[in-house]
Amino acid sequence: MAGSRTRVTTLSIDVGGTGLKASVLDERGRMLVDRVRVETPVGSPPGVVVTALRRLVAPLPHYHRVSVGFPGVVRDGVVRTAPNLGHTGWQGYDLARALQRALGRPVRVINDADMQGLAAIRGKGLELVLTLGTGFGSALYIHGRLAPHLELAHVPFRKGETFEQQLGNAARKQAGARAWNRRVRKALDVLFTLTQYDRAYLGGGNSKHLQGKLPRNTSIVPNEKGILGGIHLWREGVAL
């Protein structure tokens, strides 16, 4: 039909320390289908995870490009760290290239907290995103633009332990809900001192365990933002 054009769709993948999730987004970043999920094969070499992702997304609708949120430091599609996936083979692994070969589409990969935050922020001032899941993720944005990734998870936090050691899922189970909630609030205080953020957003699977009233400039964001943020990786001005 004259004047018609192809509507570009995006396969968005959220790699987590517990689950691999995916859906296809339309041009406005809305899910065209419910997300699919399988357990993450933690401890397996990267090729096993890539195969699991290929099988996971096989039933999904057609897509033209792929966005991936990954739980670690990623630069130019290459994984630098993957502490919660339990295999040394991730270090230096070109995940973007491997997935592009497996899926036959152009692929962009970014830290998972960075990707979730792109769908959560309002685009005003300095905004902080923290993801509370298997580990501890973080991302910073200034007036809607993603700042260089800071791997705060492995920075000392309290009692000689890192943010992740104090706030990850294992710590939540060991410390109990009340103590873990106090730690989350202390982390917000420490990171406010560090960054003077205007707003903070708390996501990840363990955000459902947050109790009590949060500071006025802090809100909980739905876990699906980890998928919805994938649309932003193909927009201008996003540092990957």
Protein backbone atom coordinates (compact mmCIF):
# COMPACT_ATOMS: atom_id res chain seq x y z
CA MET A 1 0.00 0.00 0.00
CA ALA A 2 1.32 3.44 -0.93
CA GLY A 3 2.65 5.39 2.00
CA SER A 4 2.85 2.38 4.29
CA ARG A 5 6.01 1.68 6.23
CA THR A 6 7.46 -1.09 8.30
CA ARG A 7 6.84 -0.68 12.01
CA VAL A 8 10.07 -1.45 13.81
CA THR A 9 9.75 -3.85 16.73
CA THR A 10 12.31 -4.55 19.44
CA LEU A 11 13.05 -7.78 21.25
CA SER A 12 13.86 -6.76 24.83
CA ILE A 13 15.71 -9.21 27.08
CA ASP A 14 16.30 -8.90 30.81
CA VAL A 15 19.08 -11.20 32.03
CA GLY A 16 18.77 -11.70 35.78
CA GLY A 17 20.59 -13.70 38.39
CA THR A 18 17.42 -15.76 38.85
CA GLY A 19 15.47 -15.54 35.60
CA LEU A 20 15.82 -14.78 31.88
CA LYS A 21 12.87 -12.67 30.68
CA ALA A 22 11.89 -11.32 27.28
CA SER A 23 9.12 -9.66 25.29
CA VAL A 24 8.70 -7.75 22.03
CA LEU A 25 8.03 -4.01 22.12
CA ASP A 26 6.29 -1.85 19.57
CA GLU A 27 7.66 1.51 18.39
CA ARG A 28 6.27 3.26 21.47
CA GLY A 29 7.88 0.78 23.83
CA ARG A 30 4.72 -1.16 24.71
CA MET A 31 4.75 -4.95 25.07
CA LEU A 32 3.10 -6.70 22.17
CA VAL A 33 2.91 -9.97 24.12
CA ASP A 34 3.26 -11.05 27.73
CA ARG A 35 6.84 -11.56 28.73
CA VAL A 36 8.26 -15.09 28.72
CA ARG A 37 10.60 -16.39 31.41
CA VAL A 38 12.89 -19.30 32.26
CA GLU A 39 15.32 -19.89 35.09
CA THR A 40 18.83 -18.53 34.56
CA PRO A 41 21.36 -21.36 34.19
CA VAL A 42 23.66 -19.84 36.81
CA GLY A 43 27.15 -21.34 36.80
CA SER A 44 26.99 -22.28 33.12
CA PRO A 45 29.35 -20.90 30.46
CA PRO A 46 28.05 -17.97 28.39
CA GLY A 47 27.22 -20.14 25.38
CA VAL A 48 24.68 -22.07 27.44
CA VAL A 49 22.94 -18.83 28.42
CA VAL A 50 22.90 -17.64 24.81
CA THR A 51 21.30 -20.94 23.75
CA ALA A 52 18.72 -20.62 26.54
CA LEU A 53 17.87 -17.12 25.34
CA ARG A 54 17.53 -18.25 21.72
CA ARG A 55 15.09 -20.96 22.78
CA LEU A 56 13.22 -18.59 25.08
CA VAL A 57 12.51 -15.99 22.39
CA ALA A 58 11.79 -18.44 19.54
CA PRO A 59 7.97 -18.34 20.04
CA LEU A 60 7.81 -14.52 20.23
CA PRO A 61 6.55 -12.32 17.38
CA HIS A 62 8.84 -10.96 14.67
CA TYR A 63 11.36 -8.33 15.73
CA HIS A 64 13.91 -6.17 13.92
CA ARG A 65 16.47 -5.50 16.66
CA VAL A 66 17.43 -6.66 20.13
CA SER A 67 18.04 -4.88 23.44
CA VAL A 68 19.60 -6.68 26.41
CA GLY A 69 19.92 -5.69 30.06
CA PHE A 70 22.77 -7.63 31.69
CA PRO A 71 23.67 -7.91 35.41
CA GLY A 72 27.24 -6.61 35.31
CA VAL A 73 29.55 -4.12 33.67
CA VAL A 74 29.19 -4.04 29.87
CA ARG A 75 31.11 -1.86 27.44
CA ASP A 76 30.57 -1.89 23.69
CA GLY A 77 28.64 -5.13 24.04
CA VAL A 78 31.49 -6.88 25.85
CA VAL A 79 30.97 -8.16 29.40
CA ARG A 80 33.54 -6.98 31.94
CA THR A 81 31.96 -8.49 35.06
CA ALA A 82 29.11 -10.90 35.82
CA PRO A 83 29.38 -11.64 39.57
CA ASN A 84 25.96 -13.24 39.94
CA LEU A 85 26.15 -15.61 36.97
CA GLY A 86 28.85 -17.78 38.49
CA HIS A 87 31.21 -18.45 35.59
CA THR A 88 34.59 -16.90 34.76
CA GLY A 89 33.91 -17.26 31.05
CA TRP A 90 31.82 -14.10 31.11
CA GLN A 91 34.84 -11.86 31.57
CA GLY A 92 35.68 -10.42 28.17
CA TYR A 93 32.77 -12.22 26.48
CA ASP A 94 31.29 -10.35 23.51
CA LEU A 95 27.64 -10.91 24.32
CA ALA A 96 26.34 -8.55 21.65
CA ARG A 97 28.18 -10.40 18.91
CA ALA A 98 27.17 -13.83 20.23
CA LEU A 99 23.49 -12.91 20.38
CA GLN A 100 23.62 -11.23 16.99
CA ARG A 101 24.88 -14.49 15.51
CA ALA A 102 22.31 -16.55 17.41
CA LEU A 103 19.30 -14.33 16.61
CA GLY A 104 20.25 -12.81 13.27
CA ARG A 105 19.42 -9.26 14.35
CA PRO A 106 21.46 -6.24 15.50
CA VAL A 107 21.97 -6.33 19.26
CA ARG A 108 22.73 -3.70 21.89
CA VAL A 109 23.66 -4.67 25.45
CA ILE A 110 23.69 -2.49 28.55
CA ASN A 111 23.75 -2.96 32.32
CA ASP A 112 20.35 -4.18 33.54
CA ALA A 113 19.85 -1.39 36.09
CA ASP A 114 20.73 1.18 33.43
CA MET A 115 18.12 -0.31 31.10
CA GLN A 116 15.40 -0.52 33.75
CA GLY A 117 16.00 3.05 34.76
CA LEU A 118 15.55 4.35 31.23
CA ALA A 119 11.90 3.28 31.49
CA ALA A 120 11.45 4.52 35.07
CA ILE A 121 12.91 8.02 35.23
CA ARG A 122 11.07 11.30 34.63
CA GLY A 123 13.97 12.99 32.85
CA LYS A 124 14.37 15.89 35.28
CA GLY A 125 17.38 16.61 37.45
CA LEU A 126 19.67 13.93 38.85
CA GLU A 127 17.87 10.61 39.20
CA LEU A 128 19.12 7.43 40.90
CA VAL A 129 17.85 3.92 40.19
CA LEU A 130 18.60 1.01 42.52
CA THR A 131 17.64 -2.58 41.72
CA LEU A 132 17.18 -4.97 44.62
CA GLY A 133 17.34 -8.52 43.37
CA THR A 134 19.81 -11.38 43.45
CA GLY A 135 22.42 -8.64 43.71
CA PHE A 136 22.36 -4.85 43.90
CA GLY A 137 22.22 -2.68 40.80
CA SER A 138 22.50 1.05 40.34
CA ALA A 139 22.22 3.69 37.63
CA LEU A 140 22.42 7.49 37.44
CA TYR A 141 20.77 9.90 34.99
CA ILE A 142 21.10 13.66 34.53
CA HIS A 143 18.16 15.36 32.82
CA GLY A 144 17.17 12.05 31.26
CA ARG A 145 20.63 11.15 29.95
CA LEU A 146 22.35 8.04 31.24
CA ALA A 147 25.57 8.78 33.10
CA PRO A 148 28.64 6.51 32.87
CA HIS A 149 27.90 3.31 34.77
CA LEU A 150 29.21 3.10 38.33
CA GLU A 151 29.43 -0.42 39.76
CA LEU A 152 28.37 0.63 43.26
CA ALA A 153 27.43 -2.94 44.16
CA HIS A 154 31.02 -3.80 45.00
CA VAL A 155 31.93 -0.60 46.86
CA PRO A 156 32.30 -0.85 50.67
CA PHE A 157 29.04 0.07 52.43
CA ARG A 158 28.93 -0.97 56.08
CA LYS A 159 30.66 -3.34 58.52
CA GLY A 160 33.41 -4.07 56.03
CA GLU A 161 30.95 -5.38 53.41
CA THR A 162 29.83 -4.05 50.04
CA PHE A 163 26.39 -2.80 49.06
CA GLU A 164 25.68 -6.14 47.42
CA GLN A 165 26.86 -8.18 50.39
CA GLN A 166 24.57 -6.15 52.65
CA LEU A 167 21.57 -5.71 50.35
CA GLY A 168 21.52 -8.69 47.96
CA ASN A 169 19.02 -11.50 48.22
CA ALA A 170 21.25 -13.68 50.41
CA ALA A 171 21.67 -10.81 52.86
CA ARG A 172 17.93 -10.18 52.96
CA LYS A 173 17.25 -13.79 53.88
CA GLN A 174 19.99 -13.88 56.49
CA ALA A 175 19.33 -10.52 58.15
CA GLY A 176 15.53 -10.62 58.06
CA ALA A 177 13.04 -8.13 56.69
CA ARG A 178 13.36 -5.45 59.36
CA ALA A 179 17.16 -5.25 59.33
CA TRP A 180 17.29 -5.41 55.53
CA ASN A 181 14.80 -2.55 55.26
CA ARG A 182 16.93 -0.44 57.59
CA ARG A 183 19.94 -1.14 55.40
CA VAL A 184 18.07 -0.01 52.27
CA ARG A 185 17.26 3.31 53.92
CA LYS A 186 20.84 3.73 55.05
CA ALA A 187 21.99 3.06 51.50
CA LEU A 188 19.66 5.79 50.24
CA ASP A 189 21.17 8.19 52.79
CA VAL A 190 24.74 7.29 51.82
CA LEU A 191 24.04 7.61 48.09
CA PHE A 192 22.27 10.93 48.63
CA THR A 193 25.41 12.21 50.34
CA LEU A 194 27.45 10.94 47.38
CA THR A 195 25.26 12.23 44.54
CA GLN A 196 22.65 14.69 45.92
CA TYR A 197 20.06 12.97 43.73
CA ASP A 198 16.69 14.64 43.18
CA ARG A 199 14.72 11.41 42.93
CA ALA A 200 15.37 7.74 43.60
CA TYR A 201 13.60 4.72 42.14
CA LEU A 202 13.72 1.25 43.68
CA GLY A 203 13.16 -1.74 41.43
CA GLY A 204 14.08 -5.41 41.16
CA GLY A 205 12.33 -8.48 42.49
CA ASN A 206 13.05 -7.69 46.14
CA SER A 207 11.49 -4.24 46.03
CA LYS A 208 8.25 -6.02 47.00
CA HIS A 209 9.81 -6.66 50.41
CA LEU A 210 10.20 -2.96 51.20
CA GLN A 211 8.16 -1.95 54.23
CA GLY A 212 7.02 1.31 55.74
CA LYS A 213 7.01 4.79 54.31
CA LEU A 214 9.76 5.74 51.90
CA PRO A 215 11.28 9.24 51.62
CA ARG A 216 9.14 11.66 49.62
CA ASN A 217 11.56 11.68 46.70
CA THR A 218 11.69 7.87 46.47
CA SER A 219 9.31 5.50 44.68
CA ILE A 220 9.06 1.82 43.79
CA VAL A 221 8.93 0.94 40.09
CA PRO A 222 7.37 -2.18 38.55
CA ASN A 223 9.76 -4.98 37.67
CA GLU A 224 8.51 -4.96 34.06
CA LYS A 225 10.47 -1.73 33.54
CA GLY A 226 13.48 -3.99 33.07
CA ILE A 227 11.91 -5.08 29.78
CA LEU A 228 10.31 -1.76 28.80
CA GLY A 229 13.61 0.09 29.02
CA GLY A 230 14.84 -1.83 25.99
CA ILE A 231 13.20 0.59 23.57
CA HIS A 232 15.51 3.38 24.73
CA LEU A 233 18.70 1.63 23.66
CA TRP A 234 17.87 2.50 20.05
CA ARG A 235 17.14 6.16 20.66
CA GLU A 236 19.68 8.89 20.09
CA GLY A 237 21.99 9.97 22.87
CA VAL A 238 22.05 6.76 24.92
CA ALA A 239 25.58 5.88 26.00
CA LEU A 240 26.22 2.13 25.67
